[in-house]
Every structure is written in structure tokens, then in C-alpha cells.
Amino acid sequence: MNKLKVRLVKGLAGIKQRHRDTVRGLGLKKINQTVELADTPAVRGMINRVNYLVRIDD
């Protein structure tokens, strides 16, 4: 299965609680933290919801 590297590039202060929960669900806690996730439709949907907070790295 393909993997995605997702990095948190913006802090969570002043962000909606649902978006904070989504970032937490992706396994991200700190700015510039990177996690490797399976490339599934559920993960893609979570990334799309918080696309202004995260970046997909190669």
C-alpha cells in the first residue's frame, strides 16, 4: 500500500475544534512533525479538511 508523509506546518491556536480533532486523528501534535500514513480515502478526506494546516511531503 502507498504511504503519505504528512507534516503539520501551522499551529492550532484559534482553529475550530473539529479541525484540531482531525489533526490529532492524523497523529500530529507539534509544528513540523511528520507522520507516515497509508494512502486511503479516509486519510485523504482528513487531509482535505485541514489542507491549510498540513503539507504532503515526498
PDB file of N, CA and C in Angstrom:
ATOM      1  N   MET A   1       0.839  -1.184   0.000  1.00  0.00           N
ATOM      2  CA  MET A   1       0.000   0.000   0.000  1.00  0.00           C
ATOM      3  C   MET A   1       0.886   1.250   0.000  1.00  0.00           C
ATOM      4  N   ASN A   2       0.460   2.255  -0.707  1.00  0.00           N
ATOM      5  CA  ASN A   2       1.215   3.504  -0.768  1.00  0.00           C
ATOM      6  C   ASN A   2       1.138   4.250   0.552  1.00  0.00           C
ATOM      7  N   LYS A   3       2.166   5.025   0.816  1.00  0.00           N
ATOM      8  CA  LYS A   3       2.239   5.807   2.052  1.00  0.00           C
ATOM      9  C   LYS A   3       2.304   7.296   1.717  1.00  0.00           C
ATOM     10  N   LEU A   4       1.795   8.112   2.627  1.00  0.00           N
ATOM     11  CA  LEU A   4       1.871   9.561   2.523  1.00  0.00           C
ATOM     12  C   LEU A   4       2.627  10.092   3.722  1.00  0.00           C
ATOM     13  N   LYS A   5       3.510  11.043   3.496  1.00  0.00           N
ATOM     14  CA  LYS A   5       4.167  11.737   4.598  1.00  0.00           C
ATOM     15  C   LYS A   5       3.448  13.069   4.768  1.00  0.00           C
ATOM     16  N   VAL A   6       2.858  13.274   5.935  1.00  0.00           N
ATOM     17  CA  VAL A   6       2.079  14.476   6.204  1.00  0.00           C
ATOM     18  C   VAL A   6       2.777  15.264   7.302  1.00  0.00           C
ATOM     19  N   ARG A   7       2.945  16.583   7.073  1.00  0.00           N
ATOM     20  CA  ARG A   7       3.621  17.433   8.045  1.00  0.00           C
ATOM     21  C   ARG A   7       2.696  18.565   8.461  1.00  0.00           C
ATOM     22  N   LEU A   8       2.656  18.851   9.761  1.00  0.00           N
ATOM     23  CA  LEU A   8       1.894  19.976  10.301  1.00  0.00           C
ATOM     24  C   LEU A   8       2.729  21.237  10.137  1.00  0.00           C
ATOM     25  N   VAL A   9       2.223  22.211   9.378  1.00  0.00           N
ATOM     26  CA  VAL A   9       3.012  23.401   9.072  1.00  0.00           C
ATOM     27  C   VAL A   9       2.478  24.656   9.743  1.00  0.00           C
ATOM     28  N   LYS A  10       1.333  24.569  10.409  1.00  0.00           N
ATOM     29  CA  LYS A  10       0.743  25.741  11.048  1.00  0.00           C
ATOM     30  C   LYS A  10       0.220  25.334  12.418  1.00  0.00           C
ATOM     31  N   GLY A  11       0.304  26.223  13.378  1.00  0.00           N
ATOM     32  CA  GLY A  11      -0.163  25.936  14.727  1.00  0.00           C
ATOM     33  C   GLY A  11      -1.679  25.852  14.802  1.00  0.00           C
ATOM     34  N   LEU A  12      -2.185  25.339  15.906  1.00  0.00           N
ATOM     35  CA  LEU A  12      -3.611  25.083  16.060  1.00  0.00           C
ATOM     36  C   LEU A  12      -4.338  26.138  16.882  1.00  0.00           C
ATOM     37  N   ALA A  13      -3.656  27.199  17.303  1.00  0.00           N
ATOM     38  CA  ALA A  13      -4.300  28.250  18.085  1.00  0.00           C
ATOM     39  C   ALA A  13      -5.343  28.966  17.228  1.00  0.00           C
ATOM     40  N   GLY A  14      -6.547  29.085  17.747  1.00  0.00           N
ATOM     41  CA  GLY A  14      -7.616  29.786  17.043  1.00  0.00           C
ATOM     42  C   GLY A  14      -8.287  28.970  15.962  1.00  0.00           C
ATOM     43  N   ILE A  15      -8.042  27.671  15.918  1.00  0.00           N
ATOM     44  CA  ILE A  15      -8.602  26.786  14.897  1.00  0.00           C
ATOM     45  C   ILE A  15      -9.840  26.090  15.469  1.00  0.00           C
ATOM     46  N   LYS A  16     -10.819  25.801  14.614  1.00  0.00           N
ATOM     47  CA  LYS A  16     -12.031  25.114  15.049  1.00  0.00           C
ATOM     48  C   LYS A  16     -11.698  23.785  15.726  1.00  0.00           C
ATOM     49  N   GLN A  17     -12.499  23.431  16.703  1.00  0.00           N
ATOM     50  CA  GLN A  17     -12.257  22.205  17.460  1.00  0.00           C
ATOM     51  C   GLN A  17     -12.312  20.971  16.559  1.00  0.00           C
ATOM     52  N   ARG A  18     -13.216  20.942  15.605  1.00  0.00           N
ATOM     53  CA  ARG A  18     -13.302  19.783  14.695  1.00  0.00           C
ATOM     54  C   ARG A  18     -12.013  19.625  13.892  1.00  0.00           C
ATOM     55  N   HIS A  19     -11.415  20.741  13.501  1.00  0.00           N
ATOM     56  CA  HIS A  19     -10.176  20.669  12.739  1.00  0.00           C
ATOM     57  C   HIS A  19      -9.018  20.247  13.633  1.00  0.00           C
ATOM     58  N   ARG A  20      -9.011  20.703  14.875  1.00  0.00           N
ATOM     59  CA  ARG A  20      -7.997  20.241  15.833  1.00  0.00           C
ATOM     60  C   ARG A  20      -8.101  18.741  16.026  1.00  0.00           C
ATOM     61  N   ASP A  21      -9.324  18.247  16.166  1.00  0.00           N
ATOM     62  CA  ASP A  21      -9.540  16.810  16.342  1.00  0.00           C
ATOM     63  C   ASP A  21      -9.074  16.025  15.117  1.00  0.00           C
ATOM     64  N   THR A  22      -9.285  16.585  13.940  1.00  0.00           N
ATOM     65  CA  THR A  22      -8.849  15.928  12.709  1.00  0.00           C
ATOM     66  C   THR A  22      -7.329  15.837  12.648  1.00  0.00           C
ATOM     67  N   VAL A  23      -6.653  16.933  13.006  1.00  0.00           N
ATOM     68  CA  VAL A  23      -5.189  16.925  13.013  1.00  0.00           C
ATOM     69  C   VAL A  23      -4.685  15.902  14.019  1.00  0.00           C
ATOM     70  N   ARG A  24      -5.308  15.844  15.175  1.00  0.00           N
ATOM     71  CA  ARG A  24      -4.938  14.869  16.205  1.00  0.00           C
ATOM     72  C   ARG A  24      -5.175  13.446  15.696  1.00  0.00           C
ATOM     73  N   GLY A  25      -6.265  13.247  14.947  1.00  0.00           N
ATOM     74  CA  GLY A  25      -6.568  11.942  14.370  1.00  0.00           C
ATOM     75  C   GLY A  25      -5.542  11.499  13.344  1.00  0.00           C
ATOM     76  N   LEU A  26      -4.908  12.459  12.699  1.00  0.00           N
ATOM     77  CA  LEU A  26      -3.831  12.144  11.767  1.00  0.00           C
ATOM     78  C   LEU A  26      -2.544  11.793  12.501  1.00  0.00           C
ATOM     79  N   GLY A  27      -2.504  12.027  13.814  1.00  0.00           N
ATOM     80  CA  GLY A  27      -1.327  11.681  14.604  1.00  0.00           C
ATOM     81  C   GLY A  27      -0.335  12.815  14.737  1.00  0.00           C
ATOM     82  N   LEU A  28      -0.770  14.034  14.437  1.00  0.00           N
ATOM     83  CA  LEU A  28       0.121  15.194  14.506  1.00  0.00           C
ATOM     84  C   LEU A  28      -0.120  15.963  15.794  1.00  0.00           C
ATOM     85  N   LYS A  29       0.974  16.360  16.451  1.00  0.00           N
ATOM     86  CA  LYS A  29       0.878  17.085  17.714  1.00  0.00           C
ATOM     87  C   LYS A  29       1.620  18.413  17.692  1.00  0.00           C
ATOM     88  N   LYS A  30       2.779  18.446  17.039  1.00  0.00           N
ATOM     89  CA  LYS A  30       3.630  19.631  17.076  1.00  0.00           C
ATOM     90  C   LYS A  30       3.873  20.157  15.667  1.00  0.00           C
ATOM     91  N   ILE A  31       4.178  21.436  15.569  1.00  0.00           N
ATOM     92  CA  ILE A  31       4.509  22.036  14.283  1.00  0.00           C
ATOM     93  C   ILE A  31       5.772  21.365  13.743  1.00  0.00           C
ATOM     94  N   ASN A  32       5.776  21.124  12.451  1.00  0.00           N
ATOM     95  CA  ASN A  32       6.863  20.460  11.712  1.00  0.00           C
ATOM     96  C   ASN A  32       7.003  18.981  12.034  1.00  0.00           C
ATOM     97  N   GLN A  33       6.082  18.405  12.774  1.00  0.00           N
ATOM     98  CA  GLN A  33       6.091  16.959  12.995  1.00  0.00           C
ATOM     99  C   GLN A  33       5.596  16.275  11.728  1.00  0.00           C
ATOM    100  N   THR A  34       6.231  15.185  11.360  1.00  0.00           N
ATOM    101  CA  THR A  34       5.852  14.428  10.172  1.00  0.00           C
ATOM    102  C   THR A  34       5.434  13.028  10.574  1.00  0.00           C
ATOM    103  N   VAL A  35       4.327  12.555   9.980  1.00  0.00           N
ATOM    104  CA  VAL A  35       3.880  11.183  10.194  1.00  0.00           C
ATOM    105  C   VAL A  35       3.701  10.529   8.830  1.00  0.00           C
ATOM    106  N   GLU A  36       3.851   9.223   8.808  1.00  0.00           N
ATOM    107  CA  GLU A  36       3.662   8.453   7.584  1.00  0.00           C
ATOM    108  C   GLU A  36       2.370   7.660   7.727  1.00  0.00           C
ATOM    109  N   LEU A  37       1.440   7.894   6.793  1.00  0.00           N
ATOM    110  CA  LEU A  37       0.112   7.283   6.860  1.00  0.00           C
ATOM    111  C   LEU A  37      -0.184   6.526   5.572  1.00  0.00           C
ATOM    112  N   ALA A  38      -1.055   5.535   5.677  1.00  0.00           N
ATOM    113  CA  ALA A  38      -1.485   4.795   4.497  1.00  0.00           C
ATOM    114  C   ALA A  38      -2.338   5.710   3.623  1.00  0.00           C
ATOM    115  N   ASP A  39      -2.205   5.563   2.323  1.00  0.00           N
ATOM    116  CA  ASP A  39      -2.950   6.382   1.360  1.00  0.00           C
ATOM    117  C   ASP A  39      -4.327   5.758   1.140  1.00  0.00           C
ATOM    118  N   THR A  40      -5.277   6.114   2.007  1.00  0.00           N
ATOM    119  CA  THR A  40      -6.641   5.603   1.910  1.00  0.00           C
ATOM    120  C   THR A  40      -7.598   6.776   1.705  1.00  0.00           C
ATOM    121  N   PRO A  41      -8.809   6.509   1.233  1.00  0.00           N
ATOM    122  CA  PRO A  41      -9.787   7.596   1.073  1.00  0.00           C
ATOM    123  C   PRO A  41     -10.096   8.318   2.380  1.00  0.00           C
ATOM    124  N   ALA A  42     -10.105   7.610   3.496  1.00  0.00           N
ATOM    125  CA  ALA A  42     -10.388   8.246   4.788  1.00  0.00           C
ATOM    126  C   ALA A  42      -9.285   9.238   5.159  1.00  0.00           C
ATOM    127  N   VAL A  43      -8.044   8.838   4.982  1.00  0.00           N
ATOM    128  CA  VAL A  43      -6.918   9.728   5.298  1.00  0.00           C
ATOM    129  C   VAL A  43      -6.911  10.911   4.337  1.00  0.00           C
ATOM    130  N   ARG A  44      -7.170  10.677   3.061  1.00  0.00           N
ATOM    131  CA  ARG A  44      -7.236  11.766   2.089  1.00  0.00           C
ATOM    132  C   ARG A  44      -8.318  12.778   2.473  1.00  0.00           C
ATOM    133  N   GLY A  45      -9.470  12.289   2.937  1.00  0.00           N
ATOM    134  CA  GLY A  45     -10.546  13.186   3.366  1.00  0.00           C
ATOM    135  C   GLY A  45     -10.144  14.024   4.567  1.00  0.00           C
ATOM    136  N   MET A  46      -9.426  13.416   5.513  1.00  0.00           N
ATOM    137  CA  MET A  46      -8.959  14.161   6.685  1.00  0.00           C
ATOM    138  C   MET A  46      -7.963  15.233   6.267  1.00  0.00           C
ATOM    139  N   ILE A  47      -7.069  14.898   5.338  1.00  0.00           N
ATOM    140  CA  ILE A  47      -6.087  15.870   4.856  1.00  0.00           C
ATOM    141  C   ILE A  47      -6.783  17.014   4.126  1.00  0.00           C
ATOM    142  N   ASN A  48      -7.791  16.696   3.327  1.00  0.00           N
ATOM    143  CA  ASN A  48      -8.519  17.739   2.604  1.00  0.00           C
ATOM    144  C   ASN A  48      -9.238  18.688   3.554  1.00  0.00           C
ATOM    145  N   ARG A  49      -9.733  18.179   4.666  1.00  0.00           N
ATOM    146  CA  ARG A  49     -10.436  19.020   5.632  1.00  0.00           C
ATOM    147  C   ARG A  49      -9.501  20.056   6.251  1.00  0.00           C
ATOM    148  N   VAL A  50      -8.259  19.672   6.512  1.00  0.00           N
ATOM    149  CA  VAL A  50      -7.316  20.577   7.176  1.00  0.00           C
ATOM    150  C   VAL A  50      -6.144  20.918   6.241  1.00  0.00           C
ATOM    151  N   ASN A  51      -6.433  21.066   4.950  1.00  0.00           N
ATOM    152  CA  ASN A  51      -5.370  21.285   3.970  1.00  0.00           C
ATOM    153  C   ASN A  51      -4.602  22.582   4.201  1.00  0.00           C
ATOM    154  N   TYR A  52      -5.161  23.543   4.912  1.00  0.00           N
ATOM    155  CA  TYR A  52      -4.475  24.803   5.194  1.00  0.00           C
ATOM    156  C   TYR A  52      -3.526  24.682   6.395  1.00  0.00           C
ATOM    157  N   LEU A  53      -3.530  23.536   7.063  1.00  0.00           N
ATOM    158  CA  LEU A  53      -2.667  23.314   8.224  1.00  0.00           C
ATOM    159  C   LEU A  53      -1.543  22.321   7.946  1.00  0.00           C
ATOM    160  N   VAL A  54      -1.708  21.480   6.940  1.00  0.00           N
ATOM    161  CA  VAL A  54      -0.759  20.397   6.699  1.00  0.00           C
ATOM    162  C   VAL A  54      -0.189  20.475   5.291  1.00  0.00           C
ATOM    163  N   ARG A  55       0.909  19.745   5.087  1.00  0.00           N
ATOM    164  CA  ARG A  55       1.529  19.632   3.773  1.00  0.00           C
ATOM    165  C   ARG A  55       1.910  18.182   3.564  1.00  0.00           C
ATOM    166  N   ILE A  56       1.716  17.695   2.340  1.00  0.00           N
ATOM    167  CA  ILE A  56       2.138  16.334   1.998  1.00  0.00           C
ATOM    168  C   ILE A  56       3.547  16.421   1.440  1.00  0.00           C
ATOM    169  N   ASP A  57       4.483  15.723   2.080  1.00  0.00           N
ATOM    170  CA  ASP A  57       5.888  15.710   1.664  1.00  0.00           C
ATOM    171  C   ASP A  57       6.147  14.491   0.787  1.00  0.00           C
ATOM    172  N   ASP A  58       7.159  14.596  -0.049  1.00  0.00           N
ATOM    173  CA  ASP A  58       7.535  13.468  -0.914  1.00  0.00           C
ATOM    174  C   ASP A  58       8.527  12.575  -0.231  1.00  0.00           C
TER     175      ASP A  58
END
